PDB file of N, CA and C in Angstrom:
ATOM      1  N   MET A   1     142.915 136.943  46.066  1.00  0.00           N
ATOM      2  CA  MET A   1     143.685 137.477  47.176  1.00  0.00           C
ATOM      3  C   MET A   1     145.133 136.997  47.061  1.00  0.00           C
ATOM      4  N   LYS A   2     146.066 137.809  47.515  1.00  0.00           N
ATOM      5  CA  LYS A   2     147.481 137.462  47.442  1.00  0.00           C
ATOM      6  C   LYS A   2     148.061 137.372  48.855  1.00  0.00           C
ATOM      7  N   TYR A   3     148.886 136.344  49.036  1.00  0.00           N
ATOM      8  CA  TYR A   3     149.535 136.125  50.322  1.00  0.00           C
ATOM      9  C   TYR A   3     151.013 135.836  50.102  1.00  0.00           C
ATOM     10  N   LEU A   4     151.797 136.095  51.136  1.00  0.00           N
ATOM     11  CA  LEU A   4     153.192 135.683  51.161  1.00  0.00           C
ATOM     12  C   LEU A   4     153.287 134.410  51.973  1.00  0.00           C
ATOM     13  N   ILE A   5     154.042 133.460  51.468  1.00  0.00           N
ATOM     14  CA  ILE A   5     154.363 132.249  52.208  1.00  0.00           C
ATOM     15  C   ILE A   5     155.863 132.329  52.484  1.00  0.00           C
ATOM     16  N   ILE A   6     156.226 132.403  53.761  1.00  0.00           N
ATOM     17  CA  ILE A   6     157.628 132.512  54.140  1.00  0.00           C
ATOM     18  C   ILE A   6     158.042 131.170  54.716  1.00  0.00           C
ATOM     19  N   SER A   7     158.943 130.503  54.008  1.00  0.00           N
ATOM     20  CA  SER A   7     159.322 129.139  54.344  1.00  0.00           C
ATOM     21  C   SER A   7     160.717 129.100  54.970  1.00  0.00           C
ATOM     22  N   PHE A   8     160.855 128.269  56.008  1.00  0.00           N
ATOM     23  CA  PHE A   8     162.113 128.124  56.730  1.00  0.00           C
ATOM     24  C   PHE A   8     162.535 126.662  56.752  1.00  0.00           C
ATOM     25  N   LYS A   9     163.812 126.443  57.080  1.00  0.00           N
ATOM     26  CA  LYS A   9     164.348 125.085  57.131  1.00  0.00           C
ATOM     27  C   LYS A   9     163.766 124.268  58.272  1.00  0.00           C
ATOM     28  N   ASN A  10     163.437 124.939  59.376  1.00  0.00           N
ATOM     29  CA  ASN A  10     162.869 124.206  60.511  1.00  0.00           C
ATOM     30  C   ASN A  10     162.025 125.134  61.377  1.00  0.00           C
ATOM     31  N   ARG A  11     161.342 124.540  62.318  1.00  0.00           N
ATOM     32  CA  ARG A  11     160.447 125.307  63.190  1.00  0.00           C
ATOM     33  C   ARG A  11     161.204 126.244  64.114  1.00  0.00           C
ATOM     34  N   ASN A  12     162.442 125.907  64.428  1.00  0.00           N
ATOM     35  CA  ASN A  12     163.246 126.790  65.279  1.00  0.00           C
ATOM     36  C   ASN A  12     163.534 128.118  64.600  1.00  0.00           C
ATOM     37  N   ASN A  13     163.453 128.178  63.285  1.00  0.00           N
ATOM     38  CA  ASN A  13     163.593 129.427  62.546  1.00  0.00           C
ATOM     39  C   ASN A  13     162.246 130.115  62.361  1.00  0.00           C
ATOM     40  N   LEU A  14     161.199 129.328  62.241  1.00  0.00           N
ATOM     41  CA  LEU A  14     159.860 129.868  61.979  1.00  0.00           C
ATOM     42  C   LEU A  14     159.296 130.635  63.167  1.00  0.00           C
ATOM     43  N   TYR A  15     159.313 130.046  64.344  1.00  0.00           N
ATOM     44  CA  TYR A  15     158.638 130.640  65.491  1.00  0.00           C
ATOM     45  C   TYR A  15     159.210 131.990  65.922  1.00  0.00           C
ATOM     46  N   PRO A  16     160.528 132.185  65.937  1.00  0.00           N
ATOM     47  CA  PRO A  16     161.029 133.536  66.250  1.00  0.00           C
ATOM     48  C   PRO A  16     160.579 134.579  65.225  1.00  0.00           C
ATOM     49  N   PHE A  17     160.492 134.175  63.963  1.00  0.00           N
ATOM     50  CA  PHE A  17     160.028 135.097  62.923  1.00  0.00           C
ATOM     51  C   PHE A  17     158.565 135.470  63.154  1.00  0.00           C
ATOM     52  N   ILE A  18     157.735 134.500  63.492  1.00  0.00           N
ATOM     53  CA  ILE A  18     156.324 134.772  63.789  1.00  0.00           C
ATOM     54  C   ILE A  18     156.217 135.744  64.965  1.00  0.00           C
ATOM     55  N   ASN A  19     157.047 135.552  65.975  1.00  0.00           N
ATOM     56  CA  ASN A  19     157.038 136.456  67.128  1.00  0.00           C
ATOM     57  C   ASN A  19     157.441 137.872  66.739  1.00  0.00           C
ATOM     58  N   LEU A  20     158.408 138.010  65.824  1.00  0.00           N
ATOM     59  CA  LEU A  20     158.786 139.343  65.339  1.00  0.00           C
ATOM     60  C   LEU A  20     157.639 140.000  64.577  1.00  0.00           C
ATOM     61  N   LEU A  21     156.948 139.232  63.765  1.00  0.00           N
ATOM     62  CA  LEU A  21     155.789 139.786  63.051  1.00  0.00           C
ATOM     63  C   LEU A  21     154.760 140.315  64.037  1.00  0.00           C
ATOM     64  N   LYS A  22     154.478 139.538  65.071  1.00  0.00           N
ATOM     65  CA  LYS A  22     153.509 139.977  66.098  1.00  0.00           C
ATOM     66  C   LYS A  22     153.997 141.238  66.797  1.00  0.00           C
ATOM     67  N   LYS A  23     155.286 141.285  67.113  1.00  0.00           N
ATOM     68  CA  LYS A  23     155.878 142.439  67.795  1.00  0.00           C
ATOM     69  C   LYS A  23     155.671 143.715  66.991  1.00  0.00           C
ATOM     70  N   PHE A  24     155.765 143.621  65.664  1.00  0.00           N
ATOM     71  CA  PHE A  24     155.605 144.777  64.796  1.00  0.00           C
ATOM     72  C   PHE A  24     154.164 144.955  64.295  1.00  0.00           C
ATOM     73  N   GLY A  25     153.241 144.194  64.862  1.00  0.00           N
ATOM     74  CA  GLY A  25     151.827 144.376  64.536  1.00  0.00           C
ATOM     75  C   GLY A  25     151.411 143.872  63.171  1.00  0.00           C
ATOM     76  N   ILE A  26     152.149 142.924  62.631  1.00  0.00           N
ATOM     77  CA  ILE A  26     151.817 142.370  61.311  1.00  0.00           C
ATOM     78  C   ILE A  26     151.046 141.073  61.515  1.00  0.00           C
ATOM     79  N   PRO A  27     149.783 141.041  61.090  1.00  0.00           N
ATOM     80  CA  PRO A  27     148.999 139.816  61.256  1.00  0.00           C
ATOM     81  C   PRO A  27     149.576 138.682  60.412  1.00  0.00           C
ATOM     82  N   SER A  28     149.672 137.526  61.023  1.00  0.00           N
ATOM     83  CA  SER A  28     150.246 136.377  60.325  1.00  0.00           C
ATOM     84  C   SER A  28     149.625 135.102  60.857  1.00  0.00           C
ATOM     85  N   GLY A  29     149.918 134.027  60.172  1.00  0.00           N
ATOM     86  CA  GLY A  29     149.463 132.721  60.600  1.00  0.00           C
ATOM     87  C   GLY A  29     150.502 131.674  60.266  1.00  0.00           C
ATOM     88  N   ILE A  30     150.308 130.519  60.830  1.00  0.00           N
ATOM     89  CA  ILE A  30     151.173 129.386  60.527  1.00  0.00           C
ATOM     90  C   ILE A  30     150.344 128.387  59.734  1.00  0.00           C
ATOM     91  N   ILE A  31     150.878 127.982  58.589  1.00  0.00           N
ATOM     92  CA  ILE A  31     150.155 127.053  57.713  1.00  0.00           C
ATOM     93  C   ILE A  31     151.047 125.869  57.372  1.00  0.00           C
ATOM     94  N   ASN A  32     150.433 124.824  56.871  1.00  0.00           N
ATOM     95  CA  ASN A  32     151.212 123.718  56.307  1.00  0.00           C
ATOM     96  C   ASN A  32     151.880 124.222  55.038  1.00  0.00           C
ATOM     97  N   THR A  33     153.160 123.926  54.895  1.00  0.00           N
ATOM     98  CA  THR A  33     153.891 124.357  53.707  1.00  0.00           C
ATOM     99  C   THR A  33     153.298 123.677  52.468  1.00  0.00           C
ATOM    100  N   PRO A  34     152.904 124.476  51.462  1.00  0.00           N
ATOM    101  CA  PRO A  34     152.369 123.875  50.235  1.00  0.00           C
ATOM    102  C   PRO A  34     153.378 122.917  49.603  1.00  0.00           C
ATOM    103  N   ARG A  35     152.894 121.885  48.976  1.00  0.00           N
ATOM    104  CA  ARG A  35     153.758 120.875  48.367  1.00  0.00           C
ATOM    105  C   ARG A  35     154.637 121.429  47.257  1.00  0.00           C
ATOM    106  N   ASN A  36     154.180 122.504  46.622  1.00  0.00           N
ATOM    107  CA  ASN A  36     154.949 123.113  45.531  1.00  0.00           C
ATOM    108  C   ASN A  36     156.257 123.728  46.021  1.00  0.00           C
ATOM    109  N   ILE A  37     156.339 123.966  47.325  1.00  0.00           N
ATOM    110  CA  ILE A  37     157.514 124.600  47.912  1.00  0.00           C
ATOM    111  C   ILE A  37     158.376 123.524  48.539  1.00  0.00           C
ATOM    112  N   SER A  38     159.588 123.419  48.089  1.00  0.00           N
ATOM    113  CA  SER A  38     160.511 122.435  48.648  1.00  0.00           C
ATOM    114  C   SER A  38     160.960 122.926  50.013  1.00  0.00           C
ATOM    115  N   SER A  39     160.636 122.173  51.038  1.00  0.00           N
ATOM    116  CA  SER A  39     160.977 122.601  52.386  1.00  0.00           C
ATOM    117  C   SER A  39     161.153 121.404  53.286  1.00  0.00           C
ATOM    118  N   SER A  40     162.101 121.494  54.188  1.00  0.00           N
ATOM    119  CA  SER A  40     162.270 120.418  55.151  1.00  0.00           C
ATOM    120  C   SER A  40     161.357 120.623  56.352  1.00  0.00           C
ATOM    121  N   CYS A  41     160.803 121.816  56.483  1.00  0.00           N
ATOM    122  CA  CYS A  41     159.863 122.104  57.566  1.00  0.00           C
ATOM    123  C   CYS A  41     158.456 122.039  57.000  1.00  0.00           C
ATOM    124  N   GLY A  42     157.566 121.394  57.696  1.00  0.00           N
ATOM    125  CA  GLY A  42     156.201 121.250  57.212  1.00  0.00           C
ATOM    126  C   GLY A  42     155.328 122.453  57.470  1.00  0.00           C
ATOM    127  N   LEU A  43     155.880 123.478  58.138  1.00  0.00           N
ATOM    128  CA  LEU A  43     155.106 124.671  58.453  1.00  0.00           C
ATOM    129  C   LEU A  43     155.775 125.910  57.874  1.00  0.00           C
ATOM    130  N   SER A  44     154.950 126.899  57.518  1.00  0.00           N
ATOM    131  CA  SER A  44     155.442 128.175  56.998  1.00  0.00           C
ATOM    132  C   SER A  44     154.601 129.297  57.575  1.00  0.00           C
ATOM    133  N   ALA A  45     155.111 130.512  57.465  1.00  0.00           N
ATOM    134  CA  ALA A  45     154.351 131.693  57.861  1.00  0.00           C
ATOM    135  C   ALA A  45     153.537 132.175  56.668  1.00  0.00           C
ATOM    136  N   LYS A  46     152.344 132.682  56.947  1.00  0.00           N
ATOM    137  CA  LYS A  46     151.480 133.233  55.902  1.00  0.00           C
ATOM    138  C   LYS A  46     151.119 134.668  56.301  1.00  0.00           C
ATOM    139  N   VAL A  47     151.382 135.598  55.371  1.00  0.00           N
ATOM    140  CA  VAL A  47     151.160 137.018  55.619  1.00  0.00           C
ATOM    141  C   VAL A  47     150.495 137.612  54.390  1.00  0.00           C
ATOM    142  N   GLU A  48     149.593 138.569  54.593  1.00  0.00           N
ATOM    143  CA  GLU A  48     148.980 139.244  53.451  1.00  0.00           C
ATOM    144  C   GLU A  48     150.052 139.968  52.638  1.00  0.00           C
ATOM    145  N   TYR A  49     149.881 139.967  51.329  1.00  0.00           N
ATOM    146  CA  TYR A  49     150.874 140.540  50.410  1.00  0.00           C
ATOM    147  C   TYR A  49     151.147 142.021  50.690  1.00  0.00           C
ATOM    148  N   ARG A  50     150.176 142.738  51.202  1.00  0.00           N
ATOM    149  CA  ARG A  50     150.356 144.174  51.444  1.00  0.00           C
ATOM    150  C   ARG A  50     151.449 144.463  52.469  1.00  0.00           C
ATOM    151  N   PHE A  51     151.879 143.438  53.223  1.00  0.00           N
ATOM    152  CA  PHE A  51     152.940 143.599  54.212  1.00  0.00           C
ATOM    153  C   PHE A  51     154.311 143.166  53.675  1.00  0.00           C
ATOM    154  N   TYR A  52     154.436 143.011  52.371  1.00  0.00           N
ATOM    155  CA  TYR A  52     155.672 142.529  51.752  1.00  0.00           C
ATOM    156  C   TYR A  52     156.897 143.342  52.179  1.00  0.00           C
ATOM    157  N   ASN A  53     156.816 144.665  52.072  1.00  0.00           N
ATOM    158  CA  ASN A  53     157.956 145.516  52.437  1.00  0.00           C
ATOM    159  C   ASN A  53     158.292 145.397  53.915  1.00  0.00           C
ATOM    160  N   ASN A  54     157.280 145.262  54.762  1.00  0.00           N
ATOM    161  CA  ASN A  54     157.516 145.086  56.193  1.00  0.00           C
ATOM    162  C   ASN A  54     158.241 143.776  56.467  1.00  0.00           C
ATOM    163  N   VAL A  55     157.837 142.722  55.769  1.00  0.00           N
ATOM    164  CA  VAL A  55     158.467 141.405  55.941  1.00  0.00           C
ATOM    165  C   VAL A  55     159.932 141.482  55.518  1.00  0.00           C
ATOM    166  N   LEU A  56     160.213 142.112  54.379  1.00  0.00           N
ATOM    167  CA  LEU A  56     161.592 142.260  53.922  1.00  0.00           C
ATOM    168  C   LEU A  56     162.417 143.054  54.918  1.00  0.00           C
ATOM    169  N   ASP A  57     161.824 144.092  55.481  1.00  0.00           N
ATOM    170  CA  ASP A  57     162.518 144.918  56.462  1.00  0.00           C
ATOM    171  C   ASP A  57     162.870 144.108  57.711  1.00  0.00           C
ATOM    172  N   ILE A  58     161.934 143.329  58.203  1.00  0.00           N
ATOM    173  CA  ILE A  58     162.169 142.496  59.384  1.00  0.00           C
ATOM    174  C   ILE A  58     163.250 141.465  59.098  1.00  0.00           C
ATOM    175  N   LEU A  59     163.188 140.833  57.944  1.00  0.00           N
ATOM    176  CA  LEU A  59     164.192 139.825  57.590  1.00  0.00           C
ATOM    177  C   LEU A  59     165.584 140.440  57.444  1.00  0.00           C
ATOM    178  N   SER A  60     165.654 141.647  56.909  1.00  0.00           N
ATOM    179  CA  SER A  60     166.959 142.274  56.707  1.00  0.00           C
ATOM    180  C   SER A  60     167.591 142.726  58.017  1.00  0.00           C
ATOM    181  N   LYS A  61     166.786 142.990  59.037  1.00  0.00           N
ATOM    182  CA  LYS A  61     167.298 143.489  60.312  1.00  0.00           C
ATOM    183  C   LYS A  61     167.486 142.397  61.358  1.00  0.00           C
ATOM    184  N   SER A  62     167.193 141.171  60.984  1.00  0.00           N
ATOM    185  CA  SER A  62     167.319 140.082  61.952  1.00  0.00           C
ATOM    186  C   SER A  62     168.043 138.909  61.304  1.00  0.00           C
ATOM    187  N   ASN A  63     168.483 138.005  62.128  1.00  0.00           N
ATOM    188  CA  ASN A  63     169.235 136.845  61.645  1.00  0.00           C
ATOM    189  C   ASN A  63     168.275 135.698  61.345  1.00  0.00           C
ATOM    190  N   HIS A  64     168.062 135.437  60.079  1.00  0.00           N
ATOM    191  CA  HIS A  64     167.186 134.335  59.677  1.00  0.00           C
ATOM    192  C   HIS A  64     167.897 133.482  58.644  1.00  0.00           C
ATOM    193  N   ASP A  65     168.963 132.830  59.107  1.00  0.00           N
ATOM    194  CA  ASP A  65     169.752 131.971  58.231  1.00  0.00           C
ATOM    195  C   ASP A  65     168.945 130.809  57.678  1.00  0.00           C
ATOM    196  N   GLY A  66     167.899 130.414  58.381  1.00  0.00           N
ATOM    197  CA  GLY A  66     167.116 129.265  57.977  1.00  0.00           C
ATOM    198  C   GLY A  66     166.057 129.565  56.924  1.00  0.00           C
ATOM    199  N   LEU A  67     166.060 130.769  56.385  1.00  0.00           N
ATOM    200  CA  LEU A  67     165.059 131.132  55.380  1.00  0.00           C
ATOM    201  C   LEU A  67     165.287 130.354  54.096  1.00  0.00           C
ATOM    202  N   ILE A  68     164.238 129.693  53.630  1.00  0.00           N
ATOM    203  CA  ILE A  68     164.289 128.997  52.338  1.00  0.00           C
ATOM    204  C   ILE A  68     163.866 129.953  51.232  1.00  0.00           C
ATOM    205  N   GLY A  69     162.805 130.727  51.480  1.00  0.00           N
ATOM    206  CA  GLY A  69     162.353 131.667  50.474  1.00  0.00           C
ATOM    207  C   GLY A  69     161.032 132.298  50.824  1.00  0.00           C
ATOM    208  N   ILE A  70     160.693 133.312  50.045  1.00  0.00           N
ATOM    209  CA  ILE A  70     159.391 133.964  50.149  1.00  0.00           C
ATOM    210  C   ILE A  70     158.671 133.690  48.840  1.00  0.00           C
ATOM    211  N   PHE A  71     157.452 133.247  48.961  1.00  0.00           N
ATOM    212  CA  PHE A  71     156.657 132.847  47.802  1.00  0.00           C
ATOM    213  C   PHE A  71     155.363 133.642  47.784  1.00  0.00           C
ATOM    214  N   LEU A  72     154.902 133.968  46.585  1.00  0.00           N
ATOM    215  CA  LEU A  72     153.641 134.667  46.404  1.00  0.00           C
ATOM    216  C   LEU A  72     152.565 133.644  46.071  1.00  0.00           C
ATOM    217  N   LEU A  73     151.544 133.614  46.891  1.00  0.00           N
ATOM    218  CA  LEU A  73     150.409 132.722  46.682  1.00  0.00           C
ATOM    219  C   LEU A  73     149.250 133.567  46.189  1.00  0.00           C
ATOM    220  N   SER A  74     148.805 133.310  44.966  1.00  0.00           N
ATOM    221  CA  SER A  74     147.669 134.028  44.388  1.00  0.00           C
ATOM    222  C   SER A  74     146.516 133.062  44.241  1.00  0.00           C
ATOM    223  N   ARG A  75     145.360 133.493  44.697  1.00  0.00           N
ATOM    224  CA  ARG A  75     144.154 132.672  44.565  1.00  0.00           C
ATOM    225  C   ARG A  75     143.108 133.436  43.780  1.00  0.00           C
ATOM    226  N   ILE A  76     142.622 132.778  42.749  1.00  0.00           N
ATOM    227  CA  ILE A  76     141.511 133.306  41.960  1.00  0.00           C
ATOM    228  C   ILE A  76     140.483 132.194  41.897  1.00  0.00           C
ATOM    229  N   GLY A  77     139.416 132.349  42.652  1.00  0.00           N
ATOM    230  CA  GLY A  77     138.433 131.278  42.758  1.00  0.00           C
ATOM    231  C   GLY A  77     139.080 130.059  43.382  1.00  0.00           C
ATOM    232  N   LEU A  78     139.001 128.937  42.705  1.00  0.00           N
ATOM    233  CA  LEU A  78     139.600 127.705  43.210  1.00  0.00           C
ATOM    234  C   LEU A  78     141.023 127.499  42.698  1.00  0.00           C
ATOM    235  N   HIS A  79     141.447 128.353  41.769  1.00  0.00           N
ATOM    236  CA  HIS A  79     142.784 128.232  41.184  1.00  0.00           C
ATOM    237  C   HIS A  79     143.819 128.886  42.101  1.00  0.00           C
ATOM    238  N   GLU A  80     144.923 128.190  42.301  1.00  0.00           N
ATOM    239  CA  GLU A  80     145.988 128.664  43.169  1.00  0.00           C
ATOM    240  C   GLU A  80     147.308 128.638  42.410  1.00  0.00           C
ATOM    241  N   GLN A  81     148.067 129.723  42.520  1.00  0.00           N
ATOM    242  CA  GLN A  81     149.359 129.812  41.847  1.00  0.00           C
ATOM    243  C   GLN A  81     150.405 130.226  42.876  1.00  0.00           C
ATOM    244  N   ILE A  82     151.550 129.541  42.877  1.00  0.00           N
ATOM    245  CA  ILE A  82     152.646 129.857  43.789  1.00  0.00           C
ATOM    246  C   ILE A  82     153.884 130.195  42.965  1.00  0.00           C
ATOM    247  N   GLU A  83     154.479 131.347  43.312  1.00  0.00           N
ATOM    248  CA  GLU A  83     155.648 131.814  42.574  1.00  0.00           C
ATOM    249  C   GLU A  83     156.696 132.317  43.577  1.00  0.00           C
ATOM    250  N   ARG A  84     157.923 131.900  43.393  1.00  0.00           N
ATOM    251  CA  ARG A  84     159.011 132.339  44.281  1.00  0.00           C
ATOM    252  C   ARG A  84     159.363 133.785  43.959  1.00  0.00           C
ATOM    253  N   ILE A  85     159.432 134.646  44.996  1.00  0.00           N
ATOM    254  CA  ILE A  85     159.793 136.040  44.771  1.00  0.00           C
ATOM    255  C   ILE A  85     161.098 136.417  45.469  1.00  0.00           C
ATOM    256  N   VAL A  86     161.523 135.656  46.466  1.00  0.00           N
ATOM    257  CA  VAL A  86     162.818 135.887  47.136  1.00  0.00           C
ATOM    258  C   VAL A  86     163.422 134.544  47.446  1.00  0.00           C
TER     259      VAL A  86
END
């Protein structure tokens, strides 16, 4: 399964983004930021990869200066791979 991990500098940037996702009907969750991702905030948003274009659209239409990056999390069995995509 593939997921997007959207990482922000702090929680004050994360929570408004989560609220925007909910507003547009995009299922999301809040997770602990994986160690592979350099972040000053210990929490990130997690969204299914199929919503990638929707996430980009929301980010482009709103002010999210605190965005660190968008990462692709791929899981195959117990193996996990994280790759920066934005």
